[in-house]
Every structure is written in structure tokens, then in C-alpha cells.
């Protein structure tokens, strides 16, 4: 089973969804046959960094449409609770808002080295819990080193334009698929799931997808029928 996880570091629901999906996979009987592929879908490519605004002011600014900082604060109360339910501690008051292009460039790099899952967990924790500046390339390189990536390679990659086009192209491709928000999950190029779910909900989705991809096949070999018919004819006792 292949699961494509479309997400953005700035999306608070993505970190929650990732955590709950991993918890579901730990309970899934076929976990060893699941391949996770992380794909970037940048929500606000033109979002500013280093504005000096707090998270709520910045969120209102990038969304526009008359949104206020107070509204953004109230709207995120339920998100913070969801994070707590998933075992995560969100610290939105101290969060340093940032454009996520560079963080997603590292995600593409990490995917090519089998470290995308670890990277998305670490950079999300840095952003939502640790109040680290993920717009700072030195910080990103440090975080990359923590998950087993080569910090010097990441620094060199970020100093150039590598993976910028990929981040942009992935968003365009995701939009053509119909993705309009994150998190978004595609299972076996066939099933789509939008939004963060609880671990139990994810487990039910995984089990349903597995059953539909691996249906039971009835065999035609004749049973050893000595019942003489009636309620237990054809080798089957019926209700």
C-alpha cells in the first residue's frame, strides 16, 4: 500500500494528521507493506518571513479577506486542543511565522534520502512547539543534521536554487488533482482523504482500503458434502 501525504510545514493540522496516521500504522496489521511518500503542497508560496508579527497577526495577513488577529486566535483554540489530544504541545503564542519554501525544499531532499518522515516531524515540532525560526537556513541545516541528513549538504542546497522548482511544480500538480488544502492523503492512487483524522479513523480507512484492494476470493472446489442437504447442505450450515 502506498500513501502519499501532501502537506505544508506551516499547516498545524498536518503535524496532527501525521502523528495520528503514524499511531494508526502502529496498529495496522500490514504496516510492513505500507510505503509513505511525503509531497509538498505549499499553501501560501508568497507568505512573508521576518515580519515581526505574531502568529495570529501574520495568519490574518496572509489569509486576508478581513480576517482579524483575534479571529485567528479564536479559530486556533480548537486546533491546539486537537494537538493536545494527539500528544503534541503547540506553542502558537511564541511561534515565529515564516515562509516555508526552504523547509519544503529540504523535505524534497529528505524524501530522496528516505528521511522525509523524520524531517517533517522535526521541522514541525521546531515550528509549532519549539518556537524556532524555520525561515533561517542555518536552523534548517541544524535540524536536518538531527534527523540524520548531512547538514553541510543541506546548507549548500539551500544556498542555491535546488528543489525550488520542484516545490512549485508539486503544488501545481496537486492543484490539478483537486487538492485545495492540507493535509491530503492519496492511497494507492485510488482513494483520497482530506483533513486530519483521529488515529482510530485513520486505522478504519487503512483497513477499508486494504480490504478493497485485497478482497476474499471464493474457490470453486466442491465441498466434502455428506450432510444430505437441508440446513447444512453443500457443506455449509446456514443461519
C-alpha atoms as a PDB file:
ATOM      1  CA  UNK A   1       0.000   0.000   0.000  1.00  0.00           C
ATOM      2  CA  UNK A   2       1.326   3.415  -0.945  1.00  0.00           C
ATOM      3  CA  UNK A   3       0.174   6.506   0.926  1.00  0.00           C
ATOM      4  CA  UNK A   4       1.048   9.925  -0.462  1.00  0.00           C
ATOM      5  CA  UNK A   5       0.936  12.596   2.235  1.00  0.00           C
ATOM      6  CA  UNK A   6       0.512  16.091   0.812  1.00  0.00           C
ATOM      7  CA  UNK A   7       1.357  18.704   3.424  1.00  0.00           C
ATOM      8  CA  UNK A   8       2.959  22.016   4.317  1.00  0.00           C
ATOM      9  CA  UNK A   9       5.069  22.746   7.369  1.00  0.00           C
ATOM     10  CA  UNK A  10       3.005  25.836   8.168  1.00  0.00           C
ATOM     11  CA  UNK A  11      -0.206  23.768   8.376  1.00  0.00           C
ATOM     12  CA  UNK A  12      -0.972  22.984  12.043  1.00  0.00           C
ATOM     13  CA  UNK A  13      -3.327  20.175  11.044  1.00  0.00           C
ATOM     14  CA  UNK A  14      -0.605  18.447   9.016  1.00  0.00           C
ATOM     15  CA  UNK A  15       1.536  17.743  12.077  1.00  0.00           C
ATOM     16  CA  UNK A  16      -1.526  16.459  13.924  1.00  0.00           C
ATOM     17  CA  UNK A  17      -2.557  14.302  10.984  1.00  0.00           C
ATOM     18  CA  UNK A  18       0.952  12.888  10.584  1.00  0.00           C
ATOM     19  CA  UNK A  19       1.098  11.976  14.258  1.00  0.00           C
ATOM     20  CA  UNK A  20      -2.295  10.269  14.188  1.00  0.00           C
ATOM     21  CA  UNK A  21      -1.561   8.440  10.934  1.00  0.00           C
ATOM     22  CA  UNK A  22       1.644   7.038  12.404  1.00  0.00           C
ATOM     23  CA  UNK A  23      -0.253   5.927  15.510  1.00  0.00           C
ATOM     24  CA  UNK A  24      -2.769   4.173  13.245  1.00  0.00           C
ATOM     25  CA  UNK A  25       0.002   2.481  11.273  1.00  0.00           C
ATOM     26  CA  UNK A  26       1.436   1.094  14.513  1.00  0.00           C
ATOM     27  CA  UNK A  27      -1.886  -0.736  14.974  1.00  0.00           C
ATOM     28  CA  UNK A  28      -2.275  -1.738  11.320  1.00  0.00           C
ATOM     29  CA  UNK A  29      -1.669  -5.433  10.672  1.00  0.00           C
ATOM     30  CA  UNK A  30       0.003  -4.745   7.318  1.00  0.00           C
ATOM     31  CA  UNK A  31       2.236  -1.879   8.403  1.00  0.00           C
ATOM     32  CA  UNK A  32       5.344  -3.524   6.898  1.00  0.00           C
ATOM     33  CA  UNK A  33       3.700  -3.341   3.471  1.00  0.00           C
ATOM     34  CA  UNK A  34       2.959   0.395   3.612  1.00  0.00           C
ATOM     35  CA  UNK A  35       5.102   2.950   1.795  1.00  0.00           C
ATOM     36  CA  UNK A  36       4.761   6.582   2.905  1.00  0.00           C
ATOM     37  CA  UNK A  37       5.622   9.275   0.380  1.00  0.00           C
ATOM     38  CA  UNK A  38       5.672  12.908   1.526  1.00  0.00           C
ATOM     39  CA  UNK A  39       4.854  15.516  -1.100  1.00  0.00           C
ATOM     40  CA  UNK A  40       4.927  19.288  -0.614  1.00  0.00           C
ATOM     41  CA  UNK A  41       1.831  21.379  -1.129  1.00  0.00           C
ATOM     42  CA  UNK A  42       2.752  24.919  -0.150  1.00  0.00           C
ATOM     43  CA  UNK A  43      -0.350  26.752   0.991  1.00  0.00           C
ATOM     44  CA  UNK A  44       0.959  30.324   0.710  1.00  0.00           C
ATOM     45  CA  UNK A  45       4.045  30.499  -1.541  1.00  0.00           C
ATOM     46  CA  UNK A  46       4.220  34.287  -1.139  1.00  0.00           C
ATOM     47  CA  UNK A  47       3.873  34.323   2.649  1.00  0.00           C
ATOM     48  CA  UNK A  48       6.389  36.734   4.205  1.00  0.00           C
ATOM     49  CA  UNK A  49       9.087  35.982   6.768  1.00  0.00           C
ATOM     50  CA  UNK A  50      10.682  38.215   9.399  1.00  0.00           C
ATOM     51  CA  UNK A  51       7.653  40.467   9.723  1.00  0.00           C
ATOM     52  CA  UNK A  52       7.839  40.907  13.489  1.00  0.00           C
ATOM     53  CA  UNK A  53       4.167  39.966  13.666  1.00  0.00           C
ATOM     54  CA  UNK A  54       2.912  37.259  15.982  1.00  0.00           C
ATOM     55  CA  UNK A  55       1.310  34.101  14.610  1.00  0.00           C
ATOM     56  CA  UNK A  56      -2.230  35.439  14.791  1.00  0.00           C
ATOM     57  CA  UNK A  57      -1.429  38.771  13.119  1.00  0.00           C
ATOM     58  CA  UNK A  58       0.581  37.009  10.432  1.00  0.00           C
ATOM     59  CA  UNK A  59      -2.168  34.431   9.813  1.00  0.00           C
ATOM     60  CA  UNK A  60      -4.749  37.183   9.407  1.00  0.00           C
ATOM     61  CA  UNK A  61      -2.421  38.980   6.998  1.00  0.00           C
ATOM     62  CA  UNK A  62      -1.759  36.048   4.667  1.00  0.00           C
ATOM     63  CA  UNK A  63      -5.407  34.926   4.608  1.00  0.00           C
ATOM     64  CA  UNK A  64      -6.764  38.409   4.017  1.00  0.00           C
ATOM     65  CA  UNK A  65     -10.474  38.781   3.426  1.00  0.00           C
ATOM     66  CA  UNK A  66     -10.944  40.894   6.507  1.00  0.00           C
ATOM     67  CA  UNK A  67      -9.692  38.232   8.910  1.00  0.00           C
ATOM     68  CA  UNK A  68      -8.547  39.711  12.214  1.00  0.00           C
ATOM     69  CA  UNK A  69      -5.848  38.543  14.594  1.00  0.00           C
ATOM     70  CA  UNK A  70      -8.478  37.956  17.274  1.00  0.00           C
ATOM     71  CA  UNK A  71     -10.425  35.706  14.912  1.00  0.00           C
ATOM     72  CA  UNK A  72      -7.262  33.763  14.051  1.00  0.00           C
ATOM     73  CA  UNK A  73      -6.531  33.292  17.752  1.00  0.00           C
ATOM     74  CA  UNK A  74     -10.038  32.011  18.498  1.00  0.00           C
ATOM     75  CA  UNK A  75     -10.079  29.772  15.435  1.00  0.00           C
ATOM     76  CA  UNK A  76      -6.853  28.097  16.532  1.00  0.00           C
ATOM     77  CA  UNK A  77      -8.113  27.220  20.012  1.00  0.00           C
ATOM     78  CA  UNK A  78      -9.712  24.047  18.667  1.00  0.00           C
ATOM     79  CA  UNK A  79      -6.526  23.217  16.749  1.00  0.00           C
ATOM     80  CA  UNK A  80      -4.433  23.486  19.916  1.00  0.00           C
ATOM     81  CA  UNK A  81      -6.869  21.122  21.626  1.00  0.00           C
ATOM     82  CA  UNK A  82      -6.631  18.660  18.729  1.00  0.00           C
ATOM     83  CA  UNK A  83      -2.857  18.817  19.030  1.00  0.00           C
ATOM     84  CA  UNK A  84      -3.079  18.053  22.732  1.00  0.00           C
ATOM     85  CA  UNK A  85      -5.344  15.083  22.023  1.00  0.00           C
ATOM     86  CA  UNK A  86      -2.638  13.779  19.677  1.00  0.00           C
ATOM     87  CA  UNK A  87       0.028  14.202  22.354  1.00  0.00           C
ATOM     88  CA  UNK A  88       1.510  17.387  20.865  1.00  0.00           C
ATOM     89  CA  UNK A  89       2.163  20.662  22.681  1.00  0.00           C
ATOM     90  CA  UNK A  90       1.504  23.642  20.427  1.00  0.00           C
ATOM     91  CA  UNK A  91       3.057  26.953  21.426  1.00  0.00           C
ATOM     92  CA  UNK A  92       1.407  29.345  19.000  1.00  0.00           C
ATOM     93  CA  UNK A  93       1.946  32.425  21.155  1.00  0.00           C
ATOM     94  CA  UNK A  94       5.727  32.196  20.690  1.00  0.00           C
ATOM     95  CA  UNK A  95       5.728  30.738  17.168  1.00  0.00           C
ATOM     96  CA  UNK A  96       7.923  32.601  14.643  1.00  0.00           C
ATOM     97  CA  UNK A  97       5.879  32.834  11.417  1.00  0.00           C
ATOM     98  CA  UNK A  98       7.794  32.063   8.252  1.00  0.00           C
ATOM     99  CA  UNK A  99       7.541  31.292   4.581  1.00  0.00           C
ATOM    100  CA  UNK A 100       8.028  27.519   4.191  1.00  0.00           C
ATOM    101  CA  UNK A 101       9.722  27.306   0.787  1.00  0.00           C
ATOM    102  CA  UNK A 102      13.122  26.398   2.235  1.00  0.00           C
ATOM    103  CA  UNK A 103      11.686  23.914   4.713  1.00  0.00           C
ATOM    104  CA  UNK A 104       9.858  22.182   1.858  1.00  0.00           C
ATOM    105  CA  UNK A 105      12.993  22.206  -0.294  1.00  0.00           C
ATOM    106  CA  UNK A 106      14.658  20.256   2.495  1.00  0.00           C
ATOM    107  CA  UNK A 107      11.626  17.930   2.573  1.00  0.00           C
ATOM    108  CA  UNK A 108      12.195  17.095  -1.111  1.00  0.00           C
ATOM    109  CA  UNK A 109      15.881  16.471  -0.370  1.00  0.00           C
ATOM    110  CA  UNK A 110      14.958  14.315   2.634  1.00  0.00           C
ATOM    111  CA  UNK A 111      12.467  12.272   0.590  1.00  0.00           C
ATOM    112  CA  UNK A 112      15.246  11.325  -1.832  1.00  0.00           C
ATOM    113  CA  UNK A 113      17.243  10.001   1.111  1.00  0.00           C
ATOM    114  CA  UNK A 114      14.472   8.159   2.906  1.00  0.00           C
ATOM    115  CA  UNK A 115      14.254  10.708   5.712  1.00  0.00           C
ATOM    116  CA  UNK A 116      11.158  12.717   4.788  1.00  0.00           C
ATOM    117  CA  UNK A 117       9.027  11.388   7.621  1.00  0.00           C
ATOM    118  CA  UNK A 118      11.654  12.183  10.233  1.00  0.00           C
ATOM    119  CA  UNK A 119      12.247  15.593   8.688  1.00  0.00           C
ATOM    120  CA  UNK A 120       8.583  16.585   8.656  1.00  0.00           C
ATOM    121  CA  UNK A 121       8.242  15.577  12.297  1.00  0.00           C
ATOM    122  CA  UNK A 122      11.317  17.510  13.411  1.00  0.00           C
ATOM    123  CA  UNK A 123      10.678  20.685  11.444  1.00  0.00           C
ATOM    124  CA  UNK A 124       7.013  20.719  12.515  1.00  0.00           C
ATOM    125  CA  UNK A 125       7.997  20.369  16.163  1.00  0.00           C
ATOM    126  CA  UNK A 126      10.559  23.133  15.713  1.00  0.00           C
ATOM    127  CA  UNK A 127       7.863  25.401  14.299  1.00  0.00           C
ATOM    128  CA  UNK A 128       4.819  24.661  16.436  1.00  0.00           C
ATOM    129  CA  UNK A 129       6.399  23.672  19.752  1.00  0.00           C
ATOM    130  CA  UNK A 130       9.979  24.899  19.998  1.00  0.00           C
ATOM    131  CA  UNK A 131       9.458  28.416  18.570  1.00  0.00           C
ATOM    132  CA  UNK A 132      12.443  28.033  16.252  1.00  0.00           C
ATOM    133  CA  UNK A 133      12.855  30.199  13.162  1.00  0.00           C
ATOM    134  CA  UNK A 134      12.455  27.790  10.244  1.00  0.00           C
ATOM    135  CA  UNK A 135      13.000  30.695   7.877  1.00  0.00           C
ATOM    136  CA  UNK A 136      16.632  30.696   8.999  1.00  0.00           C
ATOM    137  CA  UNK A 137      18.665  28.394   6.763  1.00  0.00           C
ATOM    138  CA  UNK A 138      21.227  27.743   9.493  1.00  0.00           C
ATOM    139  CA  UNK A 139      18.399  26.485  11.713  1.00  0.00           C
ATOM    140  CA  UNK A 140      17.133  24.215   8.932  1.00  0.00           C
ATOM    141  CA  UNK A 141      20.608  22.759   8.420  1.00  0.00           C
ATOM    142  CA  UNK A 142      20.911  22.111  12.147  1.00  0.00           C
ATOM    143  CA  UNK A 143      17.547  20.375  12.224  1.00  0.00           C
ATOM    144  CA  UNK A 144      18.483  18.324   9.168  1.00  0.00           C
ATOM    145  CA  UNK A 145      21.562  17.073  10.971  1.00  0.00           C
ATOM    146  CA  UNK A 146      19.404  15.978  13.894  1.00  0.00           C
ATOM    147  CA  UNK A 147      17.444  13.558  11.682  1.00  0.00           C
ATOM    148  CA  UNK A 148      20.468  12.021  10.024  1.00  0.00           C
ATOM    149  CA  UNK A 149      20.812  14.248   6.977  1.00  0.00           C
ATOM    150  CA  UNK A 150      24.091  15.899   6.043  1.00  0.00           C
ATOM    151  CA  UNK A 151      23.893  19.430   7.440  1.00  0.00           C
ATOM    152  CA  UNK A 152      26.635  20.686   5.120  1.00  0.00           C
ATOM    153  CA  UNK A 153      24.837  19.296   2.068  1.00  0.00           C
ATOM    154  CA  UNK A 154      21.600  20.926   3.187  1.00  0.00           C
ATOM    155  CA  UNK A 155      23.356  24.260   3.687  1.00  0.00           C
ATOM    156  CA  UNK A 156      24.848  24.057   0.205  1.00  0.00           C
ATOM    157  CA  UNK A 157      21.493  23.084  -1.303  1.00  0.00           C
ATOM    158  CA  UNK A 158      19.693  25.982   0.387  1.00  0.00           C
ATOM    159  CA  UNK A 159      22.358  28.453  -0.769  1.00  0.00           C
ATOM    160  CA  UNK A 160      21.338  27.741  -4.364  1.00  0.00           C
ATOM    161  CA  UNK A 161      18.040  27.163  -6.132  1.00  0.00           C
ATOM    162  CA  UNK A 162      17.878  23.373  -5.878  1.00  0.00           C
ATOM    163  CA  UNK A 163      14.339  21.989  -5.398  1.00  0.00           C
ATOM    164  CA  UNK A 164      12.645  25.390  -5.694  1.00  0.00           C
ATOM    165  CA  UNK A 165      11.070  24.391  -8.995  1.00  0.00           C
ATOM    166  CA  UNK A 166      10.034  21.022  -7.561  1.00  0.00           C
ATOM    167  CA  UNK A 167       8.180  22.668  -4.667  1.00  0.00           C
ATOM    168  CA  UNK A 168       6.391  24.933  -7.135  1.00  0.00           C
ATOM    169  CA  UNK A 169       5.613  22.127  -9.577  1.00  0.00           C
ATOM    170  CA  UNK A 170       4.300  19.838  -6.856  1.00  0.00           C
ATOM    171  CA  UNK A 171       1.803  22.479  -5.802  1.00  0.00           C
ATOM    172  CA  UNK A 172       0.654  22.897  -9.382  1.00  0.00           C
ATOM    173  CA  UNK A 173       0.303  19.145  -9.817  1.00  0.00           C
ATOM    174  CA  UNK A 174      -1.575  18.806  -6.541  1.00  0.00           C
ATOM    175  CA  UNK A 175      -3.970  21.546  -7.627  1.00  0.00           C
ATOM    176  CA  UNK A 176      -4.664  19.657 -10.858  1.00  0.00           C
ATOM    177  CA  UNK A 177      -5.520  16.610  -8.756  1.00  0.00           C
ATOM    178  CA  UNK A 178      -8.087  18.714  -6.926  1.00  0.00           C
ATOM    179  CA  UNK A 179      -6.129  19.404  -3.758  1.00  0.00           C
ATOM    180  CA  UNK A 180      -7.171  22.734  -2.263  1.00  0.00           C
ATOM    181  CA  UNK A 181      -5.912  22.324   1.304  1.00  0.00           C
ATOM    182  CA  UNK A 182      -3.760  20.229   3.568  1.00  0.00           C
ATOM    183  CA  UNK A 183      -3.309  17.644   4.857  1.00  0.00           C
ATOM    184  CA  UNK A 184      -4.395  15.488   1.925  1.00  0.00           C
ATOM    185  CA  UNK A 185      -3.783  11.765   1.540  1.00  0.00           C
ATOM    186  CA  UNK A 186      -3.891   9.580  -1.568  1.00  0.00           C
ATOM    187  CA  UNK A 187      -3.866   5.820  -1.072  1.00  0.00           C
ATOM    188  CA  UNK A 188      -2.740   3.575  -3.939  1.00  0.00           C
ATOM    189  CA  UNK A 189      -3.505   6.347  -6.460  1.00  0.00           C
ATOM    190  CA  UNK A 190      -7.158   5.479  -5.915  1.00  0.00           C
ATOM    191  CA  UNK A 191      -8.523   6.684  -2.591  1.00  0.00           C
ATOM    192  CA  UNK A 192      -8.406  10.285  -1.369  1.00  0.00           C
ATOM    193  CA  UNK A 193      -8.737  11.522   2.192  1.00  0.00           C
ATOM    194  CA  UNK A 194      -8.829  15.210   3.080  1.00  0.00           C
ATOM    195  CA  UNK A 195      -8.073  16.633   6.513  1.00  0.00           C
ATOM    196  CA  UNK A 196      -6.590  15.425   9.759  1.00  0.00           C
ATOM    197  CA  UNK A 197      -8.300  12.424  11.356  1.00  0.00           C
ATOM    198  CA  UNK A 198      -8.025  10.661  14.672  1.00  0.00           C
ATOM    199  CA  UNK A 199      -5.799   7.602  14.826  1.00  0.00           C
ATOM    200  CA  UNK A 200      -8.885   5.365  15.053  1.00  0.00           C
ATOM    201  CA  UNK A 201     -10.389   6.990  11.967  1.00  0.00           C
ATOM    202  CA  UNK A 202      -7.136   6.547  10.068  1.00  0.00           C
ATOM    203  CA  UNK A 203      -6.978   2.889  11.085  1.00  0.00           C
ATOM    204  CA  UNK A 204     -10.502   2.316   9.781  1.00  0.00           C
ATOM    205  CA  UNK A 205      -9.546   3.979   6.483  1.00  0.00           C
ATOM    206  CA  UNK A 206      -6.427   1.848   6.143  1.00  0.00           C
ATOM    207  CA  UNK A 207      -8.329  -1.355   6.856  1.00  0.00           C
ATOM    208  CA  UNK A 208     -11.087  -0.453   4.399  1.00  0.00           C
ATOM    209  CA  UNK A 209      -8.591   0.349   1.650  1.00  0.00           C
ATOM    210  CA  UNK A 210      -6.724  -2.891   2.320  1.00  0.00           C
ATOM    211  CA  UNK A 211      -9.929  -4.977   2.137  1.00  0.00           C
ATOM    212  CA  UNK A 212     -10.971  -3.364  -1.124  1.00  0.00           C
ATOM    213  CA  UNK A 213      -7.537  -3.903  -2.637  1.00  0.00           C
ATOM    214  CA  UNK A 214      -7.311  -7.488  -1.315  1.00  0.00           C
ATOM    215  CA  UNK A 215     -10.842  -8.943  -1.477  1.00  0.00           C
ATOM    216  CA  UNK A 216     -11.521 -12.534  -0.423  1.00  0.00           C
ATOM    217  CA  UNK A 217     -11.666 -14.893  -3.384  1.00  0.00           C
ATOM    218  CA  UNK A 218     -14.212 -17.714  -3.246  1.00  0.00           C
ATOM    219  CA  UNK A 219     -12.815 -21.035  -4.501  1.00  0.00           C
ATOM    220  CA  UNK A 220     -14.922 -23.412  -6.604  1.00  0.00           C
ATOM    221  CA  UNK A 221     -13.675 -26.762  -5.316  1.00  0.00           C
ATOM    222  CA  UNK A 222     -16.672 -28.875  -4.287  1.00  0.00           C
ATOM    223  CA  UNK A 223     -17.039 -29.414  -0.512  1.00  0.00           C
ATOM    224  CA  UNK A 224     -16.980 -32.861   1.078  1.00  0.00           C
ATOM    225  CA  UNK A 225     -20.771 -32.992   1.439  1.00  0.00           C
ATOM    226  CA  UNK A 226     -22.145 -35.861   3.467  1.00  0.00           C
ATOM    227  CA  UNK A 227     -24.920 -33.843   5.067  1.00  0.00           C
ATOM    228  CA  UNK A 228     -27.661 -34.994   2.771  1.00  0.00           C
ATOM    229  CA  UNK A 229     -28.957 -31.457   2.171  1.00  0.00           C
ATOM    230  CA  UNK A 230     -31.300 -29.490   4.396  1.00  0.00           C
ATOM    231  CA  UNK A 231     -29.988 -26.787   6.669  1.00  0.00           C
ATOM    232  CA  UNK A 232     -26.422 -27.973   6.281  1.00  0.00           C
ATOM    233  CA  UNK A 233     -26.410 -28.768   2.559  1.00  0.00           C
ATOM    234  CA  UNK A 234     -23.399 -28.192   0.321  1.00  0.00           C
ATOM    235  CA  UNK A 235     -21.088 -28.427   3.296  1.00  0.00           C
ATOM    236  CA  UNK A 236     -22.395 -25.166   4.801  1.00  0.00           C
ATOM    237  CA  UNK A 237     -24.557 -24.735   7.884  1.00  0.00           C
ATOM    238  CA  UNK A 238     -26.714 -21.686   7.237  1.00  0.00           C
ATOM    239  CA  UNK A 239     -28.423 -19.200   9.505  1.00  0.00           C
END
